[in-house]
Amino acid sequence: MSPTGEVLCTLQGKCYILKPTFGALCHIELKTQCSILELAAQALDGTLQVTHAAAILNACMVERVEEEVLGDLILSEGLVKVLPSVHALMKVVLEGTLSLDD
């Protein structure tokens, strides 16, 4: 995680910048039908659905990737390697460590 609260996620050798915004969080909750707190708990206890992980990543990506392409990238990378980025995003959201200067 960067000092500004951005999170990096590497998928197939390419590094993507993830930055949670209020709009992204609203989109995540609408897409998953779960609150951010529920999703954070699921991420921590290992019950987060792959579709939810993809929705979280997709909504926070600075450089957008089509949903189907992102799903393929997650599957080829392996969910276990992607989850640390999801955890880091949740930490930024829950602890309020995002810089609003940008």
PDB file of N, CA and C in Angstrom:
ATOM      1  N   MET A   1       0.855  -1.177   0.000  1.00  0.00           N
ATOM      2  CA  MET A   1       0.000   0.000   0.000  1.00  0.00           C
ATOM      3  C   MET A   1       0.891   1.227   0.000  1.00  0.00           C
ATOM      4  N   SER A   2       0.538   2.212  -0.797  1.00  0.00           N
ATOM      5  CA  SER A   2       1.317   3.438  -0.880  1.00  0.00           C
ATOM      6  C   SER A   2       0.893   4.391   0.243  1.00  0.00           C
ATOM      7  N   PRO A   3       1.692   5.430   0.499  1.00  0.00           N
ATOM      8  CA  PRO A   3       1.321   6.412   1.521  1.00  0.00           C
ATOM      9  C   PRO A   3       0.011   7.122   1.215  1.00  0.00           C
ATOM     10  N   THR A   4      -0.412   7.143  -0.044  1.00  0.00           N
ATOM     11  CA  THR A   4      -1.667   7.809  -0.413  1.00  0.00           C
ATOM     12  C   THR A   4      -2.869   6.884  -0.284  1.00  0.00           C
ATOM     13  N   GLY A   5      -2.638   5.640   0.085  1.00  0.00           N
ATOM     14  CA  GLY A   5      -3.736   4.695   0.238  1.00  0.00           C
ATOM     15  C   GLY A   5      -4.028   3.889  -1.009  1.00  0.00           C
ATOM     16  N   GLU A   6      -3.238   4.095  -2.049  1.00  0.00           N
ATOM     17  CA  GLU A   6      -3.421   3.284  -3.249  1.00  0.00           C
ATOM     18  C   GLU A   6      -2.826   1.904  -3.023  1.00  0.00           C
ATOM     19  N   VAL A   7      -3.405   0.922  -3.655  1.00  0.00           N
ATOM     20  CA  VAL A   7      -2.977  -0.466  -3.521  1.00  0.00           C
ATOM     21  C   VAL A   7      -2.584  -0.965  -4.903  1.00  0.00           C
ATOM     22  N   LEU A   8      -1.554  -1.776  -4.964  1.00  0.00           N
ATOM     23  CA  LEU A   8      -1.144  -2.365  -6.229  1.00  0.00           C
ATOM     24  C   LEU A   8      -1.612  -3.806  -6.297  1.00  0.00           C
ATOM     25  N   CYS A   9      -1.988  -4.224  -7.489  1.00  0.00           N
ATOM     26  CA  CYS A   9      -2.400  -5.606  -7.731  1.00  0.00           C
ATOM     27  C   CYS A   9      -1.760  -6.047  -9.040  1.00  0.00           C
ATOM     28  N   THR A  10      -0.961  -7.090  -8.973  1.00  0.00           N
ATOM     29  CA  THR A  10      -0.300  -7.598 -10.169  1.00  0.00           C
ATOM     30  C   THR A  10      -1.098  -8.761 -10.731  1.00  0.00           C
ATOM     31  N   LEU A  11      -1.464  -8.625 -11.994  1.00  0.00           N
ATOM     32  CA  LEU A  11      -2.220  -9.654 -12.704  1.00  0.00           C
ATOM     33  C   LEU A  11      -1.500  -9.945 -14.004  1.00  0.00           C
ATOM     34  N   GLN A  12      -1.010 -11.166 -14.148  1.00  0.00           N
ATOM     35  CA  GLN A  12      -0.293 -11.596 -15.340  1.00  0.00           C
ATOM     36  C   GLN A  12       0.860 -10.656 -15.687  1.00  0.00           C
ATOM     37  N   GLY A  13       1.605 -10.270 -14.659  1.00  0.00           N
ATOM     38  CA  GLY A  13       2.799  -9.462 -14.851  1.00  0.00           C
ATOM     39  C   GLY A  13       2.554  -7.973 -14.983  1.00  0.00           C
ATOM     40  N   LYS A  14       1.316  -7.543 -15.047  1.00  0.00           N
ATOM     41  CA  LYS A  14       1.001  -6.117 -15.152  1.00  0.00           C
ATOM     42  C   LYS A  14       0.506  -5.607 -13.803  1.00  0.00           C
ATOM     43  N   CYS A  15       1.045  -4.476 -13.407  1.00  0.00           N
ATOM     44  CA  CYS A  15       0.686  -3.887 -12.120  1.00  0.00           C
ATOM     45  C   CYS A  15      -0.473  -2.900 -12.314  1.00  0.00           C
ATOM     46  N   TYR A  16      -1.554  -3.112 -11.589  1.00  0.00           N
ATOM     47  CA  TYR A  16      -2.715  -2.233 -11.641  1.00  0.00           C
ATOM     48  C   TYR A  16      -2.798  -1.444 -10.346  1.00  0.00           C
ATOM     49  N   ILE A  17      -3.113  -0.163 -10.466  1.00  0.00           N
ATOM     50  CA  ILE A  17      -3.301   0.684  -9.292  1.00  0.00           C
ATOM     51  C   ILE A  17      -4.767   0.632  -8.896  1.00  0.00           C
ATOM     52  N   LEU A  18      -5.001   0.396  -7.614  1.00  0.00           N
ATOM     53  CA  LEU A  18      -6.348   0.340  -7.068  1.00  0.00           C
ATOM     54  C   LEU A  18      -6.513   1.493  -6.092  1.00  0.00           C
ATOM     55  N   LYS A  19      -7.567   2.244  -6.245  1.00  0.00           N
ATOM     56  CA  LYS A  19      -7.825   3.366  -5.352  1.00  0.00           C
ATOM     57  C   LYS A  19      -9.315   3.409  -5.032  1.00  0.00           C
ATOM     58  N   PRO A  20      -9.654   3.136  -3.791  1.00  0.00           N
ATOM     59  CA  PRO A  20     -11.074   3.173  -3.436  1.00  0.00           C
ATOM     60  C   PRO A  20     -11.585   4.613  -3.397  1.00  0.00           C
ATOM     61  N   THR A  21     -12.762   4.809  -3.935  1.00  0.00           N
ATOM     62  CA  THR A  21     -13.442   6.101  -3.881  1.00  0.00           C
ATOM     63  C   THR A  21     -14.847   5.858  -3.336  1.00  0.00           C
ATOM     64  N   PHE A  22     -15.515   6.919  -2.981  1.00  0.00           N
ATOM     65  CA  PHE A  22     -16.880   6.768  -2.503  1.00  0.00           C
ATOM     66  C   PHE A  22     -17.755   6.134  -3.586  1.00  0.00           C
ATOM     67  N   GLY A  23     -17.589   6.600  -4.823  1.00  0.00           N
ATOM     68  CA  GLY A  23     -18.355   6.034  -5.934  1.00  0.00           C
ATOM     69  C   GLY A  23     -18.074   4.554  -6.119  1.00  0.00           C
ATOM     70  N   ALA A  24     -16.800   4.181  -5.981  1.00  0.00           N
ATOM     71  CA  ALA A  24     -16.432   2.768  -6.117  1.00  0.00           C
ATOM     72  C   ALA A  24     -17.085   1.933  -5.022  1.00  0.00           C
ATOM     73  N   LEU A  25     -17.076   2.444  -3.799  1.00  0.00           N
ATOM     74  CA  LEU A  25     -17.688   1.699  -2.693  1.00  0.00           C
ATOM     75  C   LEU A  25     -19.192   1.532  -2.898  1.00  0.00           C
ATOM     76  N   CYS A  26     -19.846   2.582  -3.377  1.00  0.00           N
ATOM     77  CA  CYS A  26     -21.281   2.475  -3.673  1.00  0.00           C
ATOM     78  C   CYS A  26     -21.532   1.429  -4.757  1.00  0.00           C
ATOM     79  N   HIS A  27     -20.694   1.450  -5.791  1.00  0.00           N
ATOM     80  CA  HIS A  27     -20.825   0.479  -6.877  1.00  0.00           C
ATOM     81  C   HIS A  27     -20.625  -0.948  -6.357  1.00  0.00           C
ATOM     82  N   ILE A  28     -19.635  -1.130  -5.501  1.00  0.00           N
ATOM     83  CA  ILE A  28     -19.355  -2.455  -4.934  1.00  0.00           C
ATOM     84  C   ILE A  28     -20.562  -2.956  -4.158  1.00  0.00           C
ATOM     85  N   GLU A  29     -21.126  -2.100  -3.310  1.00  0.00           N
ATOM     86  CA  GLU A  29     -22.274  -2.526  -2.508  1.00  0.00           C
ATOM     87  C   GLU A  29     -23.480  -2.854  -3.380  1.00  0.00           C
ATOM     88  N   LEU A  30     -23.714  -2.057  -4.415  1.00  0.00           N
ATOM     89  CA  LEU A  30     -24.836  -2.340  -5.317  1.00  0.00           C
ATOM     90  C   LEU A  30     -24.616  -3.629  -6.094  1.00  0.00           C
ATOM     91  N   LYS A  31     -23.398  -3.824  -6.583  1.00  0.00           N
ATOM     92  CA  LYS A  31     -23.081  -4.999  -7.402  1.00  0.00           C
ATOM     93  C   LYS A  31     -23.141  -6.292  -6.588  1.00  0.00           C
ATOM     94  N   THR A  32     -22.645  -6.241  -5.345  1.00  0.00           N
ATOM     95  CA  THR A  32     -22.560  -7.463  -4.534  1.00  0.00           C
ATOM     96  C   THR A  32     -23.764  -7.670  -3.624  1.00  0.00           C
ATOM     97  N   GLN A  33     -24.557  -6.624  -3.439  1.00  0.00           N
ATOM     98  CA  GLN A  33     -25.679  -6.672  -2.494  1.00  0.00           C
ATOM     99  C   GLN A  33     -25.203  -6.964  -1.066  1.00  0.00           C
ATOM    100  N   CYS A  34     -23.973  -6.541  -0.755  1.00  0.00           N
ATOM    101  CA  CYS A  34     -23.387  -6.693   0.576  1.00  0.00           C
ATOM    102  C   CYS A  34     -22.792  -5.358   1.001  1.00  0.00           C
ATOM    103  N   SER A  35     -22.793  -5.112   2.297  1.00  0.00           N
ATOM    104  CA  SER A  35     -22.137  -3.902   2.782  1.00  0.00           C
ATOM    105  C   SER A  35     -20.624  -4.085   2.732  1.00  0.00           C
ATOM    106  N   ILE A  36     -19.921  -2.986   2.722  1.00  0.00           N
ATOM    107  CA  ILE A  36     -18.462  -3.033   2.733  1.00  0.00           C
ATOM    108  C   ILE A  36     -17.970  -3.776   3.972  1.00  0.00           C
ATOM    109  N   LEU A  37     -18.619  -3.575   5.107  1.00  0.00           N
ATOM    110  CA  LEU A  37     -18.213  -4.287   6.331  1.00  0.00           C
ATOM    111  C   LEU A  37     -18.398  -5.792   6.189  1.00  0.00           C
ATOM    112  N   GLU A  38     -19.497  -6.217   5.568  1.00  0.00           N
ATOM    113  CA  GLU A  38     -19.710  -7.650   5.324  1.00  0.00           C
ATOM    114  C   GLU A  38     -18.620  -8.220   4.420  1.00  0.00           C
ATOM    115  N   LEU A  39     -18.299  -7.471   3.365  1.00  0.00           N
ATOM    116  CA  LEU A  39     -17.274  -7.927   2.425  1.00  0.00           C
ATOM    117  C   LEU A  39     -15.903  -8.004   3.093  1.00  0.00           C
ATOM    118  N   ALA A  40     -15.601  -7.028   3.943  1.00  0.00           N
ATOM    119  CA  ALA A  40     -14.325  -7.049   4.657  1.00  0.00           C
ATOM    120  C   ALA A  40     -14.252  -8.271   5.565  1.00  0.00           C
ATOM    121  N   ALA A  41     -15.344  -8.570   6.256  1.00  0.00           N
ATOM    122  CA  ALA A  41     -15.376  -9.745   7.134  1.00  0.00           C
ATOM    123  C   ALA A  41     -15.207 -11.027   6.326  1.00  0.00           C
ATOM    124  N   GLN A  42     -15.866 -11.107   5.176  1.00  0.00           N
ATOM    125  CA  GLN A  42     -15.732 -12.282   4.317  1.00  0.00           C
ATOM    126  C   GLN A  42     -14.309 -12.431   3.807  1.00  0.00           C
ATOM    127  N   ALA A  43     -13.683 -11.312   3.451  1.00  0.00           N
ATOM    128  CA  ALA A  43     -12.292 -11.363   2.966  1.00  0.00           C
ATOM    129  C   ALA A  43     -11.369 -11.873   4.070  1.00  0.00           C
ATOM    130  N   LEU A  44     -11.620 -11.443   5.291  1.00  0.00           N
ATOM    131  CA  LEU A  44     -10.758 -11.857   6.405  1.00  0.00           C
ATOM    132  C   LEU A  44     -10.976 -13.302   6.820  1.00  0.00           C
ATOM    133  N   ASP A  45     -12.216 -13.781   6.734  1.00  0.00           N
ATOM    134  CA  ASP A  45     -12.459 -15.157   7.182  1.00  0.00           C
ATOM    135  C   ASP A  45     -12.407 -16.188   6.048  1.00  0.00           C
ATOM    136  N   GLY A  46     -12.068 -15.729   4.843  1.00  0.00           N
ATOM    137  CA  GLY A  46     -11.865 -16.662   3.734  1.00  0.00           C
ATOM    138  C   GLY A  46     -13.126 -17.105   3.025  1.00  0.00           C
ATOM    139  N   THR A  47     -14.230 -16.398   3.205  1.00  0.00           N
ATOM    140  CA  THR A  47     -15.480 -16.795   2.556  1.00  0.00           C
ATOM    141  C   THR A  47     -15.883 -15.853   1.422  1.00  0.00           C
ATOM    142  N   LEU A  48     -14.986 -14.948   1.028  1.00  0.00           N
ATOM    143  CA  LEU A  48     -15.293 -13.995  -0.041  1.00  0.00           C
ATOM    144  C   LEU A  48     -15.448 -14.728  -1.374  1.00  0.00           C
ATOM    145  N   GLN A  49     -16.562 -14.492  -2.035  1.00  0.00           N
ATOM    146  CA  GLN A  49     -16.815 -15.113  -3.332  1.00  0.00           C
ATOM    147  C   GLN A  49     -15.922 -14.482  -4.396  1.00  0.00           C
ATOM    148  N   VAL A  50     -15.540 -15.258  -5.383  1.00  0.00           N
ATOM    149  CA  VAL A  50     -14.686 -14.750  -6.452  1.00  0.00           C
ATOM    150  C   VAL A  50     -15.373 -13.597  -7.199  1.00  0.00           C
ATOM    151  N   THR A  51     -16.680 -13.669  -7.352  1.00  0.00           N
ATOM    152  CA  THR A  51     -17.394 -12.579  -8.023  1.00  0.00           C
ATOM    153  C   THR A  51     -17.320 -11.293  -7.209  1.00  0.00           C
ATOM    154  N   HIS A  52     -17.326 -11.433  -5.893  1.00  0.00           N
ATOM    155  CA  HIS A  52     -17.208 -10.258  -5.034  1.00  0.00           C
ATOM    156  C   HIS A  52     -15.802  -9.688  -5.075  1.00  0.00           C
ATOM    157  N   ALA A  53     -14.797 -10.557  -5.078  1.00  0.00           N
ATOM    158  CA  ALA A  53     -13.415 -10.097  -5.191  1.00  0.00           C
ATOM    159  C   ALA A  53     -13.230  -9.331  -6.505  1.00  0.00           C
ATOM    160  N   ALA A  54     -13.782  -9.860  -7.586  1.00  0.00           N
ATOM    161  CA  ALA A  54     -13.685  -9.199  -8.888  1.00  0.00           C
ATOM    162  C   ALA A  54     -14.399  -7.854  -8.880  1.00  0.00           C
ATOM    163  N   ALA A  55     -15.561  -7.788  -8.239  1.00  0.00           N
ATOM    164  CA  ALA A  55     -16.310  -6.530  -8.172  1.00  0.00           C
ATOM    165  C   ALA A  55     -15.528  -5.475  -7.391  1.00  0.00           C
ATOM    166  N   ILE A  56     -14.882  -5.888  -6.313  1.00  0.00           N
ATOM    167  CA  ILE A  56     -14.090  -4.960  -5.505  1.00  0.00           C
ATOM    168  C   ILE A  56     -12.913  -4.435  -6.314  1.00  0.00           C
ATOM    169  N   LEU A  57     -12.186  -5.336  -6.938  1.00  0.00           N
ATOM    170  CA  LEU A  57     -11.030  -4.922  -7.727  1.00  0.00           C
ATOM    171  C   LEU A  57     -11.456  -4.037  -8.897  1.00  0.00           C
ATOM    172  N   ASN A  58     -12.468  -4.465  -9.622  1.00  0.00           N
ATOM    173  CA  ASN A  58     -12.910  -3.737 -10.805  1.00  0.00           C
ATOM    174  C   ASN A  58     -13.329  -2.311 -10.469  1.00  0.00           C
ATOM    175  N   ALA A  59     -14.068  -2.144  -9.392  1.00  0.00           N
ATOM    176  CA  ALA A  59     -14.569  -0.825  -9.026  1.00  0.00           C
ATOM    177  C   ALA A  59     -13.449   0.125  -8.597  1.00  0.00           C
ATOM    178  N   CYS A  60     -12.359  -0.431  -8.088  1.00  0.00           N
ATOM    179  CA  CYS A  60     -11.273   0.398  -7.560  1.00  0.00           C
ATOM    180  C   CYS A  60     -10.106   0.576  -8.526  1.00  0.00           C
ATOM    181  N   MET A  61     -10.145  -0.084  -9.675  1.00  0.00           N
ATOM    182  CA  MET A  61      -9.044   0.022 -10.634  1.00  0.00           C
ATOM    183  C   MET A  61      -9.002   1.412 -11.257  1.00  0.00           C
ATOM    184  N   VAL A  62      -7.819   2.014 -11.245  1.00  0.00           N
ATOM    185  CA  VAL A  62      -7.642   3.304 -11.906  1.00  0.00           C
ATOM    186  C   VAL A  62      -7.720   3.108 -13.418  1.00  0.00           C
ATOM    187  N   GLU A  63      -7.076   2.061 -13.914  1.00  0.00           N
ATOM    188  CA  GLU A  63      -7.150   1.690 -15.335  1.00  0.00           C
ATOM    189  C   GLU A  63      -8.176   0.568 -15.445  1.00  0.00           C
ATOM    190  N   ARG A  64      -9.325   0.868 -16.005  1.00  0.00           N
ATOM    191  CA  ARG A  64     -10.423  -0.099 -16.066  1.00  0.00           C
ATOM    192  C   ARG A  64     -10.120  -1.267 -16.993  1.00  0.00           C
ATOM    193  N   VAL A  65     -10.618  -2.427 -16.590  1.00  0.00           N
ATOM    194  CA  VAL A  65     -10.519  -3.653 -17.374  1.00  0.00           C
ATOM    195  C   VAL A  65     -11.929  -4.218 -17.471  1.00  0.00           C
ATOM    196  N   GLU A  66     -12.295  -4.732 -18.626  1.00  0.00           N
ATOM    197  CA  GLU A  66     -13.620  -5.339 -18.773  1.00  0.00           C
ATOM    198  C   GLU A  66     -13.788  -6.447 -17.740  1.00  0.00           C
ATOM    199  N   GLU A  67     -15.003  -6.574 -17.227  1.00  0.00           N
ATOM    200  CA  GLU A  67     -15.285  -7.527 -16.150  1.00  0.00           C
ATOM    201  C   GLU A  67     -14.877  -8.959 -16.506  1.00  0.00           C
ATOM    202  N   GLU A  68     -15.201  -9.390 -17.699  1.00  0.00           N
ATOM    203  CA  GLU A  68     -14.865 -10.766 -18.122  1.00  0.00           C
ATOM    204  C   GLU A  68     -13.351 -10.956 -18.204  1.00  0.00           C
ATOM    205  N   VAL A  69     -12.654  -9.944 -18.719  1.00  0.00           N
ATOM    206  CA  VAL A  69     -11.187  -9.997 -18.808  1.00  0.00           C
ATOM    207  C   VAL A  69     -10.590 -10.044 -17.407  1.00  0.00           C
ATOM    208  N   LEU A  70     -11.112  -9.223 -16.508  1.00  0.00           N
ATOM    209  CA  LEU A  70     -10.625  -9.231 -15.126  1.00  0.00           C
ATOM    210  C   LEU A  70     -10.844 -10.589 -14.482  1.00  0.00           C
ATOM    211  N   GLY A  71     -11.994 -11.186 -14.706  1.00  0.00           N
ATOM    212  CA  GLY A  71     -12.260 -12.519 -14.159  1.00  0.00           C
ATOM    213  C   GLY A  71     -11.249 -13.540 -14.646  1.00  0.00           C
ATOM    214  N   ASP A  72     -10.938 -13.481 -15.923  1.00  0.00           N
ATOM    215  CA  ASP A  72      -9.930 -14.392 -16.480  1.00  0.00           C
ATOM    216  C   ASP A  72      -8.553 -14.136 -15.883  1.00  0.00           C
ATOM    217  N   LEU A  73      -8.220 -12.861 -15.699  1.00  0.00           N
ATOM    218  CA  LEU A  73      -6.927 -12.516 -15.091  1.00  0.00           C
ATOM    219  C   LEU A  73      -6.833 -13.044 -13.657  1.00  0.00           C
ATOM    220  N   ILE A  74      -7.911 -12.904 -12.904  1.00  0.00           N
ATOM    221  CA  ILE A  74      -7.933 -13.402 -11.524  1.00  0.00           C
ATOM    222  C   ILE A  74      -7.763 -14.915 -11.512  1.00  0.00           C
ATOM    223  N   LEU A  75      -8.496 -15.601 -12.386  1.00  0.00           N
ATOM    224  CA  LEU A  75      -8.393 -17.060 -12.422  1.00  0.00           C
ATOM    225  C   LEU A  75      -7.009 -17.524 -12.843  1.00  0.00           C
ATOM    226  N   SER A  76      -6.408 -16.838 -13.808  1.00  0.00           N
ATOM    227  CA  SER A  76      -5.079 -17.260 -14.253  1.00  0.00           C
ATOM    228  C   SER A  76      -4.011 -16.913 -13.219  1.00  0.00           C
ATOM    229  N   GLU A  77      -4.212 -15.844 -12.464  1.00  0.00           N
ATOM    230  CA  GLU A  77      -3.248 -15.455 -11.422  1.00  0.00           C
ATOM    231  C   GLU A  77      -3.410 -16.329 -10.185  1.00  0.00           C
ATOM    232  N   GLY A  78      -4.655 -16.678  -9.908  1.00  0.00           N
ATOM    233  CA  GLY A  78      -4.963 -17.450  -8.706  1.00  0.00           C
ATOM    234  C   GLY A  78      -5.532 -16.546  -7.636  1.00  0.00           C
ATOM    235  N   LEU A  79      -6.671 -16.898  -7.120  1.00  0.00           N
ATOM    236  CA  LEU A  79      -7.361 -16.072  -6.123  1.00  0.00           C
ATOM    237  C   LEU A  79      -6.495 -15.829  -4.898  1.00  0.00           C
ATOM    238  N   VAL A  80      -5.703 -16.805  -4.504  1.00  0.00           N
ATOM    239  CA  VAL A  80      -4.854 -16.654  -3.324  1.00  0.00           C
ATOM    240  C   VAL A  80      -3.851 -15.512  -3.505  1.00  0.00           C
ATOM    241  N   LYS A  81      -3.390 -15.304  -4.722  1.00  0.00           N
ATOM    242  CA  LYS A  81      -2.438 -14.222  -4.983  1.00  0.00           C
ATOM    243  C   LYS A  81      -3.124 -12.861  -5.103  1.00  0.00           C
ATOM    244  N   VAL A  82      -4.413 -12.868  -5.379  1.00  0.00           N
ATOM    245  CA  VAL A  82      -5.163 -11.627  -5.552  1.00  0.00           C
ATOM    246  C   VAL A  82      -5.731 -11.125  -4.218  1.00  0.00           C
ATOM    247  N   LEU A  83      -6.044 -12.028  -3.327  1.00  0.00           N
ATOM    248  CA  LEU A  83      -6.685 -11.643  -2.064  1.00  0.00           C
ATOM    249  C   LEU A  83      -5.889 -10.644  -1.229  1.00  0.00           C
ATOM    250  N   PRO A  84      -4.555 -10.679  -1.194  1.00  0.00           N
ATOM    251  CA  PRO A  84      -3.851  -9.647  -0.424  1.00  0.00           C
ATOM    252  C   PRO A  84      -4.167  -8.222  -0.888  1.00  0.00           C
ATOM    253  N   SER A  85      -4.391  -8.046  -2.172  1.00  0.00           N
ATOM    254  CA  SER A  85      -4.773  -6.719  -2.673  1.00  0.00           C
ATOM    255  C   SER A  85      -6.165  -6.334  -2.182  1.00  0.00           C
ATOM    256  N   VAL A  86      -7.072  -7.292  -2.166  1.00  0.00           N
ATOM    257  CA  VAL A  86      -8.428  -7.040  -1.653  1.00  0.00           C
ATOM    258  C   VAL A  86      -8.346  -6.691  -0.167  1.00  0.00           C
ATOM    259  N   HIS A  87      -7.545  -7.440   0.585  1.00  0.00           N
ATOM    260  CA  HIS A  87      -7.371  -7.159   2.017  1.00  0.00           C
ATOM    261  C   HIS A  87      -6.812  -5.759   2.229  1.00  0.00           C
ATOM    262  N   ALA A  88      -5.814  -5.390   1.430  1.00  0.00           N
ATOM    263  CA  ALA A  88      -5.206  -4.066   1.560  1.00  0.00           C
ATOM    264  C   ALA A  88      -6.215  -2.958   1.255  1.00  0.00           C
ATOM    265  N   LEU A  89      -7.056  -3.168   0.229  1.00  0.00           N
ATOM    266  CA  LEU A  89      -8.109  -2.200  -0.087  1.00  0.00           C
ATOM    267  C   LEU A  89      -9.073  -2.040   1.076  1.00  0.00           C
ATOM    268  N   MET A  90      -9.477  -3.164   1.648  1.00  0.00           N
ATOM    269  CA  MET A  90     -10.406  -3.124   2.779  1.00  0.00           C
ATOM    270  C   MET A  90      -9.782  -2.384   3.967  1.00  0.00           C
ATOM    271  N   LYS A  91      -8.498  -2.578   4.166  1.00  0.00           N
ATOM    272  CA  LYS A  91      -7.797  -1.891   5.258  1.00  0.00           C
ATOM    273  C   LYS A  91      -7.834  -0.382   5.031  1.00  0.00           C
ATOM    274  N   VAL A  92      -7.578   0.044   3.796  1.00  0.00           N
ATOM    275  CA  VAL A  92      -7.636   1.471   3.469  1.00  0.00           C
ATOM    276  C   VAL A  92      -9.025   2.029   3.768  1.00  0.00           C
ATOM    277  N   VAL A  93     -10.055   1.308   3.345  1.00  0.00           N
ATOM    278  CA  VAL A  93     -11.436   1.765   3.534  1.00  0.00           C
ATOM    279  C   VAL A  93     -11.806   1.801   5.014  1.00  0.00           C
ATOM    280  N   LEU A  94     -11.469   0.753   5.742  1.00  0.00           N
ATOM    281  CA  LEU A  94     -11.876   0.659   7.144  1.00  0.00           C
ATOM    282  C   LEU A  94     -11.080   1.575   8.069  1.00  0.00           C
ATOM    283  N   GLU A  95      -9.801   1.800   7.735  1.00  0.00           N
ATOM    284  CA  GLU A  95      -8.950   2.621   8.601  1.00  0.00           C
ATOM    285  C   GLU A  95      -8.883   4.082   8.157  1.00  0.00           C
ATOM    286  N   GLY A  96      -9.422   4.380   6.988  1.00  0.00           N
ATOM    287  CA  GLY A  96      -9.429   5.757   6.534  1.00  0.00           C
ATOM    288  C   GLY A  96      -8.060   6.296   6.201  1.00  0.00           C
ATOM    289  N   THR A  97      -7.219   5.487   5.559  1.00  0.00           N
ATOM    290  CA  THR A  97      -5.862   5.921   5.251  1.00  0.00           C
ATOM    291  C   THR A  97      -5.705   6.463   3.845  1.00  0.00           C
ATOM    292  N   LEU A  98      -6.796   6.741   3.159  1.00  0.00           N
ATOM    293  CA  LEU A  98      -6.747   7.261   1.798  1.00  0.00           C
ATOM    294  C   LEU A  98      -6.469   8.750   1.824  1.00  0.00           C
ATOM    295  N   SER A  99      -5.502   9.184   1.029  1.00  0.00           N
ATOM    296  CA  SER A  99      -5.200  10.607   0.886  1.00  0.00           C
ATOM    297  C   SER A  99      -6.215  11.235  -0.062  1.00  0.00           C
ATOM    298  N   LEU A 100      -6.802  12.332   0.334  1.00  0.00           N
ATOM    299  CA  LEU A 100      -7.798  12.999  -0.512  1.00  0.00           C
ATOM    300  C   LEU A 100      -7.187  14.148  -1.293  1.00  0.00           C
ATOM    301  N   ASP A 101      -5.863  14.288  -1.246  1.00  0.00           N
ATOM    302  CA  ASP A 101      -5.175  15.371  -1.938  1.00  0.00           C
ATOM    303  C   ASP A 101      -5.156  15.192  -3.444  1.00  0.00           C
ATOM    304  N   ASP A 102      -5.328  13.966  -3.935  1.00  0.00           N
ATOM    305  CA  ASP A 102      -5.229  13.697  -5.370  1.00  0.00           C
ATOM    306  C   ASP A 102      -6.492  14.027  -6.104  1.00  0.00           C
TER     307      ASP A 102
END
